[in-house]
């Protein structure tokens, strides 16, 4: 099963080389057929130049430039329309997600799951240098999601997830242009009946650059997509459910 890794990148010139080198080395060592698809989200620094220089040392690297509209969600969606693998993971460019965790996710999916979700807040999960204000907001929002949707999964905002190609096709079309896409995709997958496993993963704060997540701007967007998914859950009458063979 070929693995695609979609990485959105906006002004990530300082750190993306380390991310891609470690990711490629780990996946190659584990003999996992893969492509690493980086979406340069119209970066203003020399991210594109760095990516071009990496193509010889990272032969599985595929680079696209999203000229617009731009934003985290748009960049991820751009990649999700163009990956060639049988399954696809969304991974951050700043090495906050561990390549070793991705291998574990991949092995778990081979057991037959449609999705594999990461959790940083259950036994075995780890976070390093997580900002306190983000921690409080994260736990508040995720607890609301658990209560509203009646699920045990406690880290729906975690971007680090793995999906089969059929699952991605089955949860389209996407609405979210920003970080709320990390909520839209898993909730749709759960509502529509796709099977999933939850595995602890680690998260490490970036060493380079600045996070593009603007909490004040994202609050209403998160709740918008939450409301949309609730409407589907309670009023769609199963029209979008997975069609089992």
C-alpha atoms as a PDB file:
ATOM      1  CA  UNK A   1       0.000   0.000   0.000  1.00  0.00           C
ATOM      2  CA  UNK A   2       1.553   3.256  -1.144  1.00  0.00           C
ATOM      3  CA  UNK A   3       1.595   6.057   1.423  1.00  0.00           C
ATOM      4  CA  UNK A   4       1.260   9.699   0.422  1.00  0.00           C
ATOM      5  CA  UNK A   5       2.305  12.391   2.886  1.00  0.00           C
ATOM      6  CA  UNK A   6       0.744  15.803   2.274  1.00  0.00           C
ATOM      7  CA  UNK A   7       2.651  18.677   3.872  1.00  0.00           C
ATOM      8  CA  UNK A   8       1.386  22.269   3.616  1.00  0.00           C
ATOM      9  CA  UNK A   9       4.251  24.764   3.738  1.00  0.00           C
ATOM     10  CA  UNK A  10       4.084  28.524   4.139  1.00  0.00           C
ATOM     11  CA  UNK A  11       7.388  30.286   4.861  1.00  0.00           C
ATOM     12  CA  UNK A  12       9.016  27.103   6.184  1.00  0.00           C
ATOM     13  CA  UNK A  13      12.474  27.560   4.627  1.00  0.00           C
ATOM     14  CA  UNK A  14      14.310  27.305   7.950  1.00  0.00           C
ATOM     15  CA  UNK A  15      12.989  23.953   9.084  1.00  0.00           C
ATOM     16  CA  UNK A  16      11.468  22.020   6.208  1.00  0.00           C
ATOM     17  CA  UNK A  17      14.751  20.467   5.073  1.00  0.00           C
ATOM     18  CA  UNK A  18      15.138  18.629   8.392  1.00  0.00           C
ATOM     19  CA  UNK A  19      11.498  17.523   8.292  1.00  0.00           C
ATOM     20  CA  UNK A  20      11.675  16.051   4.798  1.00  0.00           C
ATOM     21  CA  UNK A  21      15.077  14.425   5.294  1.00  0.00           C
ATOM     22  CA  UNK A  22      14.007  12.648   8.482  1.00  0.00           C
ATOM     23  CA  UNK A  23      10.644  11.651   7.039  1.00  0.00           C
ATOM     24  CA  UNK A  24      12.168  10.160   3.897  1.00  0.00           C
ATOM     25  CA  UNK A  25      14.903   8.353   5.837  1.00  0.00           C
ATOM     26  CA  UNK A  26      12.391   6.790   8.232  1.00  0.00           C
ATOM     27  CA  UNK A  27       9.928   5.654   5.572  1.00  0.00           C
ATOM     28  CA  UNK A  28      12.718   4.290   3.377  1.00  0.00           C
ATOM     29  CA  UNK A  29      14.263   2.407   6.289  1.00  0.00           C
ATOM     30  CA  UNK A  30      10.877   0.799   6.998  1.00  0.00           C
ATOM     31  CA  UNK A  31      10.527  -0.044   3.276  1.00  0.00           C
ATOM     32  CA  UNK A  32       7.226   1.797   2.986  1.00  0.00           C
ATOM     33  CA  UNK A  33       6.445   2.805  -0.605  1.00  0.00           C
ATOM     34  CA  UNK A  34       5.654   6.484  -0.459  1.00  0.00           C
ATOM     35  CA  UNK A  35       5.600   9.968  -1.889  1.00  0.00           C
ATOM     36  CA  UNK A  36       6.105  13.187   0.064  1.00  0.00           C
ATOM     37  CA  UNK A  37       3.881  15.825  -1.508  1.00  0.00           C
ATOM     38  CA  UNK A  38       4.691  19.324  -0.300  1.00  0.00           C
ATOM     39  CA  UNK A  39       2.285  22.125  -1.149  1.00  0.00           C
ATOM     40  CA  UNK A  40       4.157  25.411  -1.160  1.00  0.00           C
ATOM     41  CA  UNK A  41       1.367  27.780  -0.154  1.00  0.00           C
ATOM     42  CA  UNK A  42       2.669  30.767  -2.094  1.00  0.00           C
ATOM     43  CA  UNK A  43       5.486  31.311   0.433  1.00  0.00           C
ATOM     44  CA  UNK A  44       7.120  34.729   0.634  1.00  0.00           C
ATOM     45  CA  UNK A  45      10.519  33.370   1.726  1.00  0.00           C
ATOM     46  CA  UNK A  46      12.797  30.928  -0.133  1.00  0.00           C
ATOM     47  CA  UNK A  47      10.809  27.786   0.749  1.00  0.00           C
ATOM     48  CA  UNK A  48      10.443  26.892  -2.930  1.00  0.00           C
ATOM     49  CA  UNK A  49      14.200  27.189  -3.500  1.00  0.00           C
ATOM     50  CA  UNK A  50      14.914  24.941  -0.516  1.00  0.00           C
ATOM     51  CA  UNK A  51      12.448  22.361  -1.826  1.00  0.00           C
ATOM     52  CA  UNK A  52      14.035  22.417  -5.283  1.00  0.00           C
ATOM     53  CA  UNK A  53      17.468  21.765  -3.767  1.00  0.00           C
ATOM     54  CA  UNK A  54      16.127  18.771  -1.830  1.00  0.00           C
ATOM     55  CA  UNK A  55      14.856  16.800  -4.821  1.00  0.00           C
ATOM     56  CA  UNK A  56      18.123  14.890  -5.318  1.00  0.00           C
ATOM     57  CA  UNK A  57      18.498  13.859  -1.668  1.00  0.00           C
ATOM     58  CA  UNK A  58      14.766  13.149  -1.214  1.00  0.00           C
ATOM     59  CA  UNK A  59      13.781  11.328  -4.419  1.00  0.00           C
ATOM     60  CA  UNK A  60      10.201  10.696  -3.242  1.00  0.00           C
ATOM     61  CA  UNK A  61       9.595  14.455  -2.976  1.00  0.00           C
ATOM     62  CA  UNK A  62       6.854  15.990  -5.121  1.00  0.00           C
ATOM     63  CA  UNK A  63       6.413  19.760  -5.002  1.00  0.00           C
ATOM     64  CA  UNK A  64       3.358  21.800  -5.950  1.00  0.00           C
ATOM     65  CA  UNK A  65       2.739  25.504  -5.505  1.00  0.00           C
ATOM     66  CA  UNK A  66      -0.733  26.633  -4.526  1.00  0.00           C
ATOM     67  CA  UNK A  67      -0.953  30.089  -6.056  1.00  0.00           C
ATOM     68  CA  UNK A  68      -4.293  30.816  -4.454  1.00  0.00           C
ATOM     69  CA  UNK A  69      -6.543  31.024  -2.667  1.00  0.00           C
ATOM     70  CA  UNK A  70      -4.118  30.475   0.179  1.00  0.00           C
ATOM     71  CA  UNK A  71      -4.368  29.287   3.753  1.00  0.00           C
ATOM     72  CA  UNK A  72      -3.717  26.049   5.644  1.00  0.00           C
ATOM     73  CA  UNK A  73      -6.962  24.377   4.618  1.00  0.00           C
ATOM     74  CA  UNK A  74      -6.650  25.380   0.995  1.00  0.00           C
ATOM     75  CA  UNK A  75      -3.071  24.061   0.866  1.00  0.00           C
ATOM     76  CA  UNK A  76      -4.054  20.700   2.380  1.00  0.00           C
ATOM     77  CA  UNK A  77      -7.052  20.428   0.047  1.00  0.00           C
ATOM     78  CA  UNK A  78      -4.753  21.174  -2.898  1.00  0.00           C
ATOM     79  CA  UNK A  79      -2.598  18.223  -1.880  1.00  0.00           C
ATOM     80  CA  UNK A  80      -5.588  15.949  -1.231  1.00  0.00           C
ATOM     81  CA  UNK A  81      -6.695  16.474  -4.844  1.00  0.00           C
ATOM     82  CA  UNK A  82      -3.299  15.466  -6.216  1.00  0.00           C
ATOM     83  CA  UNK A  83      -1.764  12.649  -4.146  1.00  0.00           C
ATOM     84  CA  UNK A  84      -1.141   9.289  -5.836  1.00  0.00           C
ATOM     85  CA  UNK A  85      -1.063   6.880  -2.884  1.00  0.00           C
ATOM     86  CA  UNK A  86      -3.549   4.351  -1.559  1.00  0.00           C
ATOM     87  CA  UNK A  87      -3.623   6.254   1.727  1.00  0.00           C
ATOM     88  CA  UNK A  88      -2.668   9.762   2.754  1.00  0.00           C
ATOM     89  CA  UNK A  89      -1.393  11.435   5.920  1.00  0.00           C
ATOM     90  CA  UNK A  90      -1.450  15.130   6.705  1.00  0.00           C
ATOM     91  CA  UNK A  91       1.846  16.076   8.355  1.00  0.00           C
ATOM     92  CA  UNK A  92       3.100  19.473   9.481  1.00  0.00           C
ATOM     93  CA  UNK A  93       6.180  21.043   7.920  1.00  0.00           C
ATOM     94  CA  UNK A  94       7.744  22.029  11.259  1.00  0.00           C
ATOM     95  CA  UNK A  95       8.588  18.468  12.435  1.00  0.00           C
ATOM     96  CA  UNK A  96       6.015  18.710  15.229  1.00  0.00           C
ATOM     97  CA  UNK A  97       4.824  15.273  14.069  1.00  0.00           C
ATOM     98  CA  UNK A  98       7.132  12.269  14.489  1.00  0.00           C
ATOM     99  CA  UNK A  99       8.049  10.153  11.428  1.00  0.00           C
ATOM    100  CA  UNK A 100       8.197   7.140  13.757  1.00  0.00           C
ATOM    101  CA  UNK A 101       4.562   7.748  14.722  1.00  0.00           C
ATOM    102  CA  UNK A 102       3.614   7.801  11.055  1.00  0.00           C
ATOM    103  CA  UNK A 103       5.107   4.325  10.624  1.00  0.00           C
ATOM    104  CA  UNK A 104       2.950   3.076  13.515  1.00  0.00           C
ATOM    105  CA  UNK A 105      -0.133   4.684  11.938  1.00  0.00           C
ATOM    106  CA  UNK A 106       0.638   3.011   8.612  1.00  0.00           C
ATOM    107  CA  UNK A 107       1.075  -0.428  10.190  1.00  0.00           C
ATOM    108  CA  UNK A 108      -2.223   0.031  12.030  1.00  0.00           C
ATOM    109  CA  UNK A 109      -4.059   0.911   8.838  1.00  0.00           C
ATOM    110  CA  UNK A 110      -2.821  -2.316   7.272  1.00  0.00           C
ATOM    111  CA  UNK A 111      -5.040  -4.102   9.798  1.00  0.00           C
ATOM    112  CA  UNK A 112      -8.032  -2.871   7.799  1.00  0.00           C
ATOM    113  CA  UNK A 113      -9.026   0.528   9.192  1.00  0.00           C
ATOM    114  CA  UNK A 114     -10.304   3.356   6.984  1.00  0.00           C
ATOM    115  CA  UNK A 115      -8.671   6.006   9.193  1.00  0.00           C
ATOM    116  CA  UNK A 116      -6.046   6.209  11.910  1.00  0.00           C
ATOM    117  CA  UNK A 117      -6.277   9.186  14.265  1.00  0.00           C
ATOM    118  CA  UNK A 118      -3.601  10.455  16.604  1.00  0.00           C
ATOM    119  CA  UNK A 119      -4.180  11.565  20.177  1.00  0.00           C
ATOM    120  CA  UNK A 120      -1.728  13.539  22.266  1.00  0.00           C
ATOM    121  CA  UNK A 121      -3.868  13.441  25.397  1.00  0.00           C
ATOM    122  CA  UNK A 122      -4.338   9.746  26.171  1.00  0.00           C
ATOM    123  CA  UNK A 123      -1.965   7.235  27.780  1.00  0.00           C
ATOM    124  CA  UNK A 124       1.170   7.070  25.669  1.00  0.00           C
ATOM    125  CA  UNK A 125       0.646  10.473  24.054  1.00  0.00           C
ATOM    126  CA  UNK A 126       3.291  13.148  24.615  1.00  0.00           C
ATOM    127  CA  UNK A 127       3.566  16.882  24.109  1.00  0.00           C
ATOM    128  CA  UNK A 128       6.709  18.975  24.333  1.00  0.00           C
ATOM    129  CA  UNK A 129       6.606  22.741  24.882  1.00  0.00           C
ATOM    130  CA  UNK A 130       2.869  23.036  24.201  1.00  0.00           C
ATOM    131  CA  UNK A 131       1.742  26.674  24.833  1.00  0.00           C
ATOM    132  CA  UNK A 132      -0.498  26.861  27.907  1.00  0.00           C
ATOM    133  CA  UNK A 133      -3.158  29.112  26.364  1.00  0.00           C
ATOM    134  CA  UNK A 134      -3.483  26.719  23.415  1.00  0.00           C
ATOM    135  CA  UNK A 135      -3.684  23.781  25.813  1.00  0.00           C
ATOM    136  CA  UNK A 136      -6.695  25.198  27.670  1.00  0.00           C
ATOM    137  CA  UNK A 137      -8.517  26.083  24.456  1.00  0.00           C
ATOM    138  CA  UNK A 138      -7.675  22.716  22.933  1.00  0.00           C
ATOM    139  CA  UNK A 139      -9.082  20.719  25.817  1.00  0.00           C
ATOM    140  CA  UNK A 140     -12.191  22.936  26.053  1.00  0.00           C
ATOM    141  CA  UNK A 141     -13.050  22.555  22.377  1.00  0.00           C
ATOM    142  CA  UNK A 142     -12.275  18.835  22.199  1.00  0.00           C
ATOM    143  CA  UNK A 143     -14.458  18.121  25.225  1.00  0.00           C
ATOM    144  CA  UNK A 144     -17.321  19.976  23.548  1.00  0.00           C
ATOM    145  CA  UNK A 145     -16.846  17.824  20.436  1.00  0.00           C
ATOM    146  CA  UNK A 146     -16.904  14.631  22.498  1.00  0.00           C
ATOM    147  CA  UNK A 147     -20.129  15.609  24.228  1.00  0.00           C
ATOM    148  CA  UNK A 148     -21.958  16.826  21.120  1.00  0.00           C
ATOM    149  CA  UNK A 149     -21.035  13.868  18.939  1.00  0.00           C
ATOM    150  CA  UNK A 150     -21.016  11.151  21.596  1.00  0.00           C
ATOM    151  CA  UNK A 151     -17.512   9.952  20.748  1.00  0.00           C
ATOM    152  CA  UNK A 152     -14.569   8.948  22.916  1.00  0.00           C
ATOM    153  CA  UNK A 153     -11.917  10.391  20.615  1.00  0.00           C
ATOM    154  CA  UNK A 154     -10.373  13.320  22.502  1.00  0.00           C
ATOM    155  CA  UNK A 155      -8.074  15.053  19.990  1.00  0.00           C
ATOM    156  CA  UNK A 156     -10.124  15.827  16.903  1.00  0.00           C
ATOM    157  CA  UNK A 157      -8.173  19.071  16.301  1.00  0.00           C
ATOM    158  CA  UNK A 158      -4.945  17.088  15.910  1.00  0.00           C
ATOM    159  CA  UNK A 159      -3.900  17.542  12.269  1.00  0.00           C
ATOM    160  CA  UNK A 160      -1.828  14.348  12.296  1.00  0.00           C
ATOM    161  CA  UNK A 161      -4.125  11.696  10.816  1.00  0.00           C
ATOM    162  CA  UNK A 162      -4.034   8.971   8.161  1.00  0.00           C
ATOM    163  CA  UNK A 163      -6.844   8.185   5.716  1.00  0.00           C
ATOM    164  CA  UNK A 164      -7.416   5.674   2.959  1.00  0.00           C
ATOM    165  CA  UNK A 165      -7.943   7.235  -0.463  1.00  0.00           C
ATOM    166  CA  UNK A 166     -11.514   5.918  -0.503  1.00  0.00           C
ATOM    167  CA  UNK A 167     -12.178   7.687   2.779  1.00  0.00           C
ATOM    168  CA  UNK A 168     -10.943  11.036   1.469  1.00  0.00           C
ATOM    169  CA  UNK A 169     -13.115  10.631  -1.622  1.00  0.00           C
ATOM    170  CA  UNK A 170     -16.051   9.701   0.596  1.00  0.00           C
ATOM    171  CA  UNK A 171     -15.935  12.808   2.790  1.00  0.00           C
ATOM    172  CA  UNK A 172     -15.754  15.343  -0.034  1.00  0.00           C
ATOM    173  CA  UNK A 173     -16.559  18.109  -0.803  1.00  0.00           C
ATOM    174  CA  UNK A 174     -14.540  20.026   1.748  1.00  0.00           C
ATOM    175  CA  UNK A 175     -15.743  23.359   3.094  1.00  0.00           C
ATOM    176  CA  UNK A 176     -12.952  24.473   5.413  1.00  0.00           C
ATOM    177  CA  UNK A 177     -10.326  26.884   4.042  1.00  0.00           C
ATOM    178  CA  UNK A 178      -8.321  27.093   7.260  1.00  0.00           C
ATOM    179  CA  UNK A 179      -7.235  24.978  10.242  1.00  0.00           C
ATOM    180  CA  UNK A 180     -10.842  23.920  10.815  1.00  0.00           C
ATOM    181  CA  UNK A 181     -10.239  21.366   8.052  1.00  0.00           C
ATOM    182  CA  UNK A 182      -8.540  19.261  10.744  1.00  0.00           C
ATOM    183  CA  UNK A 183     -11.969  19.012  12.414  1.00  0.00           C
ATOM    184  CA  UNK A 184     -14.111  18.658   9.296  1.00  0.00           C
ATOM    185  CA  UNK A 185     -12.419  15.596   7.799  1.00  0.00           C
ATOM    186  CA  UNK A 186     -12.395  13.285  10.857  1.00  0.00           C
ATOM    187  CA  UNK A 187     -15.897  14.254  11.992  1.00  0.00           C
ATOM    188  CA  UNK A 188     -17.304  13.601   8.529  1.00  0.00           C
ATOM    189  CA  UNK A 189     -15.476  10.258   8.418  1.00  0.00           C
ATOM    190  CA  UNK A 190     -16.934   9.252  11.791  1.00  0.00           C
ATOM    191  CA  UNK A 191     -20.460  10.441  10.943  1.00  0.00           C
ATOM    192  CA  UNK A 192     -20.410   8.670   7.585  1.00  0.00           C
ATOM    193  CA  UNK A 193     -19.471   5.331   9.099  1.00  0.00           C
ATOM    194  CA  UNK A 194     -15.808   4.897   8.207  1.00  0.00           C
ATOM    195  CA  UNK A 195     -13.864   2.705  10.618  1.00  0.00           C
ATOM    196  CA  UNK A 196     -11.055   4.260  12.625  1.00  0.00           C
ATOM    197  CA  UNK A 197      -8.392   3.441  15.163  1.00  0.00           C
ATOM    198  CA  UNK A 198      -6.934   5.891  17.694  1.00  0.00           C
ATOM    199  CA  UNK A 199      -3.231   5.741  18.514  1.00  0.00           C
ATOM    200  CA  UNK A 200      -1.178   7.901  20.911  1.00  0.00           C
ATOM    201  CA  UNK A 201       1.261  10.211  19.185  1.00  0.00           C
ATOM    202  CA  UNK A 202       3.786  12.832  20.197  1.00  0.00           C
ATOM    203  CA  UNK A 203       3.845  16.549  19.400  1.00  0.00           C
ATOM    204  CA  UNK A 204       6.858  18.853  19.610  1.00  0.00           C
ATOM    205  CA  UNK A 205       6.695  22.626  19.299  1.00  0.00           C
ATOM    206  CA  UNK A 206       8.418  24.104  16.278  1.00  0.00           C
ATOM    207  CA  UNK A 207      12.067  25.098  16.466  1.00  0.00           C
ATOM    208  CA  UNK A 208      11.926  27.506  13.531  1.00  0.00           C
ATOM    209  CA  UNK A 209       9.527  30.104  12.203  1.00  0.00           C
ATOM    210  CA  UNK A 210       6.139  31.151  13.538  1.00  0.00           C
ATOM    211  CA  UNK A 211       2.893  29.191  13.759  1.00  0.00           C
ATOM    212  CA  UNK A 212       0.313  30.276  11.207  1.00  0.00           C
ATOM    213  CA  UNK A 213      -2.600  29.409  13.510  1.00  0.00           C
ATOM    214  CA  UNK A 214      -4.402  32.601  14.617  1.00  0.00           C
ATOM    215  CA  UNK A 215      -6.609  31.541  17.521  1.00  0.00           C
ATOM    216  CA  UNK A 216      -8.822  34.637  17.590  1.00  0.00           C
ATOM    217  CA  UNK A 217      -9.576  34.310  13.904  1.00  0.00           C
ATOM    218  CA  UNK A 218     -10.206  30.565  14.096  1.00  0.00           C
ATOM    219  CA  UNK A 219     -12.755  30.387  16.911  1.00  0.00           C
ATOM    220  CA  UNK A 220     -15.835  31.136  14.824  1.00  0.00           C
ATOM    221  CA  UNK A 221     -14.542  28.973  11.971  1.00  0.00           C
ATOM    222  CA  UNK A 222     -14.173  25.945  14.232  1.00  0.00           C
ATOM    223  CA  UNK A 223     -17.688  26.369  15.562  1.00  0.00           C
ATOM    224  CA  UNK A 224     -19.070  26.862  12.063  1.00  0.00           C
ATOM    225  CA  UNK A 225     -17.725  23.510  10.884  1.00  0.00           C
ATOM    226  CA  UNK A 226     -18.847  21.913  14.141  1.00  0.00           C
ATOM    227  CA  UNK A 227     -22.403  23.131  13.486  1.00  0.00           C
ATOM    228  CA  UNK A 228     -22.233  21.903   9.896  1.00  0.00           C
ATOM    229  CA  UNK A 229     -21.188  18.417  10.985  1.00  0.00           C
ATOM    230  CA  UNK A 230     -23.894  18.348  13.666  1.00  0.00           C
ATOM    231  CA  UNK A 231     -26.516  19.162  11.050  1.00  0.00           C
ATOM    232  CA  UNK A 232     -25.277  16.289   8.910  1.00  0.00           C
ATOM    233  CA  UNK A 233     -25.219  13.916  11.876  1.00  0.00           C
ATOM    234  CA  UNK A 234     -28.794  14.582  12.964  1.00  0.00           C
ATOM    235  CA  UNK A 235     -30.600  15.601   9.767  1.00  0.00           C
ATOM    236  CA  UNK A 236     -28.954  13.900   6.771  1.00  0.00           C
ATOM    237  CA  UNK A 237     -30.802  10.610   7.429  1.00  0.00           C
ATOM    238  CA  UNK A 238     -27.649   8.710   6.489  1.00  0.00           C
ATOM    239  CA  UNK A 239     -27.583   9.994   2.899  1.00  0.00           C
ATOM    240  CA  UNK A 240     -23.784  10.307   3.009  1.00  0.00           C
ATOM    241  CA  UNK A 241     -23.017   7.054   4.806  1.00  0.00           C
ATOM    242  CA  UNK A 242     -20.243   4.805   3.549  1.00  0.00           C
ATOM    243  CA  UNK A 243     -21.532   2.338   1.005  1.00  0.00           C
ATOM    244  CA  UNK A 244     -20.339  -1.053   2.255  1.00  0.00           C
ATOM    245  CA  UNK A 245     -19.385  -3.718  -0.292  1.00  0.00           C
END
